[in-house]
Structures are given as C-alpha cells and as structure tokens.
C-alpha cells in the first residue's frame, strides 16, 4: 500500500493537490492511503519550506506546485 501525504495548511492549492493525488491513485488502481499533514512543524520535518508538497511513502516528490494527475501517477509508481 502506498502512503500519499499532502503537506500543506489546507489552502486551495493543497486541496487541489489532494484531489489530483487521489484521482491518480484511483486511475492506477493501487491500494493507497492519503494523509493530510497540516501541522507546520510536521511539514518542516520533511524539509519542506513551501506548500503544497507531495510525499509518497515518506519521500518528498514535489514542492511548491500542483502537478497534474498524469505527473502524480509517475511519482506514485
């Protein structure tokens, strides 16, 4: 099972990233869990200074922008 983490405080871009990540995981038909990390100190533990950010299985994949569903699919697999 993939653990997909959305790092952000809940801004519109963070919500869009969460939607895109969920759509990507569903299109890939993989088992996944989405976790929204909204606590600033927790986000900083990832070394992330700009949100939104996407981490897969604890590894930060992208910071400061909202990738497309297709881009996220490449990051998840």
C-alpha atoms as a PDB file:
ATOM      1  CA  UNK A   1       0.000   0.000   0.000  1.00  0.00           C
ATOM      2  CA  UNK A   2       1.275   3.455  -0.937  1.00  0.00           C
ATOM      3  CA  UNK A   3       1.152   6.209   1.649  1.00  0.00           C
ATOM      4  CA  UNK A   4       0.451   9.504  -0.106  1.00  0.00           C
ATOM      5  CA  UNK A   5       0.976  12.568   2.049  1.00  0.00           C
ATOM      6  CA  UNK A   6      -0.271  16.033   1.190  1.00  0.00           C
ATOM      7  CA  UNK A   7       1.832  18.600   3.028  1.00  0.00           C
ATOM      8  CA  UNK A   8       0.045  21.925   3.413  1.00  0.00           C
ATOM      9  CA  UNK A   9      -2.127  24.050   5.629  1.00  0.00           C
ATOM     10  CA  UNK A  10      -5.355  23.461   3.725  1.00  0.00           C
ATOM     11  CA  UNK A  11      -5.112  26.218   1.117  1.00  0.00           C
ATOM     12  CA  UNK A  12      -6.925  25.868  -2.239  1.00  0.00           C
ATOM     13  CA  UNK A  13      -3.723  24.573  -3.893  1.00  0.00           C
ATOM     14  CA  UNK A  14      -3.357  21.958  -1.147  1.00  0.00           C
ATOM     15  CA  UNK A  15      -6.915  20.798  -1.715  1.00  0.00           C
ATOM     16  CA  UNK A  16      -6.338  20.592  -5.484  1.00  0.00           C
ATOM     17  CA  UNK A  17      -3.164  18.559  -4.908  1.00  0.00           C
ATOM     18  CA  UNK A  18      -5.126  16.159  -2.695  1.00  0.00           C
ATOM     19  CA  UNK A  19      -7.816  15.789  -5.376  1.00  0.00           C
ATOM     20  CA  UNK A  20      -5.214  15.152  -8.098  1.00  0.00           C
ATOM     21  CA  UNK A  21      -3.313  12.649  -5.951  1.00  0.00           C
ATOM     22  CA  UNK A  22      -6.490  10.711  -5.175  1.00  0.00           C
ATOM     23  CA  UNK A  23      -7.501  10.704  -8.846  1.00  0.00           C
ATOM     24  CA  UNK A  24      -4.029   9.447  -9.846  1.00  0.00           C
ATOM     25  CA  UNK A  25      -4.099   6.625  -7.296  1.00  0.00           C
ATOM     26  CA  UNK A  26      -7.594   5.587  -8.384  1.00  0.00           C
ATOM     27  CA  UNK A  27      -6.597   5.587 -12.077  1.00  0.00           C
ATOM     28  CA  UNK A  28      -3.614   3.380 -11.241  1.00  0.00           C
ATOM     29  CA  UNK A  29      -5.929   1.073  -9.265  1.00  0.00           C
ATOM     30  CA  UNK A  30      -3.422   0.769  -6.432  1.00  0.00           C
ATOM     31  CA  UNK A  31      -4.010   0.420  -2.728  1.00  0.00           C
ATOM     32  CA  UNK A  32      -3.325   3.752  -1.114  1.00  0.00           C
ATOM     33  CA  UNK A  33      -3.855   5.871   1.951  1.00  0.00           C
ATOM     34  CA  UNK A  34      -3.955   9.668   1.792  1.00  0.00           C
ATOM     35  CA  UNK A  35      -2.776  11.604   4.800  1.00  0.00           C
ATOM     36  CA  UNK A  36      -3.073  15.380   5.030  1.00  0.00           C
ATOM     37  CA  UNK A  37      -0.211  16.852   7.038  1.00  0.00           C
ATOM     38  CA  UNK A  38      -1.315  20.333   8.104  1.00  0.00           C
ATOM     39  CA  UNK A  39       0.888  20.999  11.154  1.00  0.00           C
ATOM     40  CA  UNK A  40       3.712  23.383  10.195  1.00  0.00           C
ATOM     41  CA  UNK A  41       6.266  21.684  12.477  1.00  0.00           C
ATOM     42  CA  UNK A  42       5.416  18.284  10.928  1.00  0.00           C
ATOM     43  CA  UNK A  43       5.725  19.744   7.420  1.00  0.00           C
ATOM     44  CA  UNK A  44       9.127  21.214   8.314  1.00  0.00           C
ATOM     45  CA  UNK A  45      10.323  17.760   9.458  1.00  0.00           C
ATOM     46  CA  UNK A  46      10.129  16.791   5.775  1.00  0.00           C
ATOM     47  CA  UNK A  47      12.454  19.706   4.972  1.00  0.00           C
ATOM     48  CA  UNK A  48       9.631  21.430   3.100  1.00  0.00           C
ATOM     49  CA  UNK A  49       9.563  25.235   3.192  1.00  0.00           C
ATOM     50  CA  UNK A  50       6.895  25.825   0.512  1.00  0.00           C
ATOM     51  CA  UNK A  51       3.488  24.252   0.255  1.00  0.00           C
ATOM     52  CA  UNK A  52       1.773  22.413  -1.154  1.00  0.00           C
ATOM     53  CA  UNK A  53       4.079  19.433  -1.268  1.00  0.00           C
ATOM     54  CA  UNK A  54       3.545  15.773  -2.078  1.00  0.00           C
ATOM     55  CA  UNK A  55       5.309  12.883  -0.383  1.00  0.00           C
ATOM     56  CA  UNK A  56       4.970   9.222  -1.317  1.00  0.00           C
ATOM     57  CA  UNK A  57       5.965   6.649   1.299  1.00  0.00           C
ATOM     58  CA  UNK A  58       7.699   9.417   3.268  1.00  0.00           C
ATOM     59  CA  UNK A  59       9.764  10.700   0.334  1.00  0.00           C
ATOM     60  CA  UNK A  60       9.064  14.247  -0.863  1.00  0.00           C
ATOM     61  CA  UNK A  61       8.332  14.211  -4.603  1.00  0.00           C
ATOM     62  CA  UNK A  62       7.355  17.801  -5.405  1.00  0.00           C
ATOM     63  CA  UNK A  63       7.255  21.115  -3.543  1.00  0.00           C
ATOM     64  CA  UNK A  64       5.513  24.419  -4.146  1.00  0.00           C
ATOM     65  CA  UNK A  65       3.232  23.486  -7.028  1.00  0.00           C
ATOM     66  CA  UNK A  66       0.295  21.339  -8.006  1.00  0.00           C
ATOM     67  CA  UNK A  67       1.284  18.647 -10.518  1.00  0.00           C
ATOM     68  CA  UNK A  68      -1.246  17.156 -12.919  1.00  0.00           C
ATOM     69  CA  UNK A  69      -2.876  13.783 -12.357  1.00  0.00           C
ATOM     70  CA  UNK A  70      -0.564  12.304 -15.026  1.00  0.00           C
ATOM     71  CA  UNK A  71       2.542  13.731 -13.323  1.00  0.00           C
ATOM     72  CA  UNK A  72       1.439  12.346  -9.964  1.00  0.00           C
ATOM     73  CA  UNK A  73       0.872   8.898 -11.477  1.00  0.00           C
ATOM     74  CA  UNK A  74       4.557   8.892 -12.448  1.00  0.00           C
ATOM     75  CA  UNK A  75       5.550   9.828  -8.900  1.00  0.00           C
ATOM     76  CA  UNK A  76       3.408   7.143  -7.283  1.00  0.00           C
ATOM     77  CA  UNK A  77       4.609   4.216  -9.379  1.00  0.00           C
END
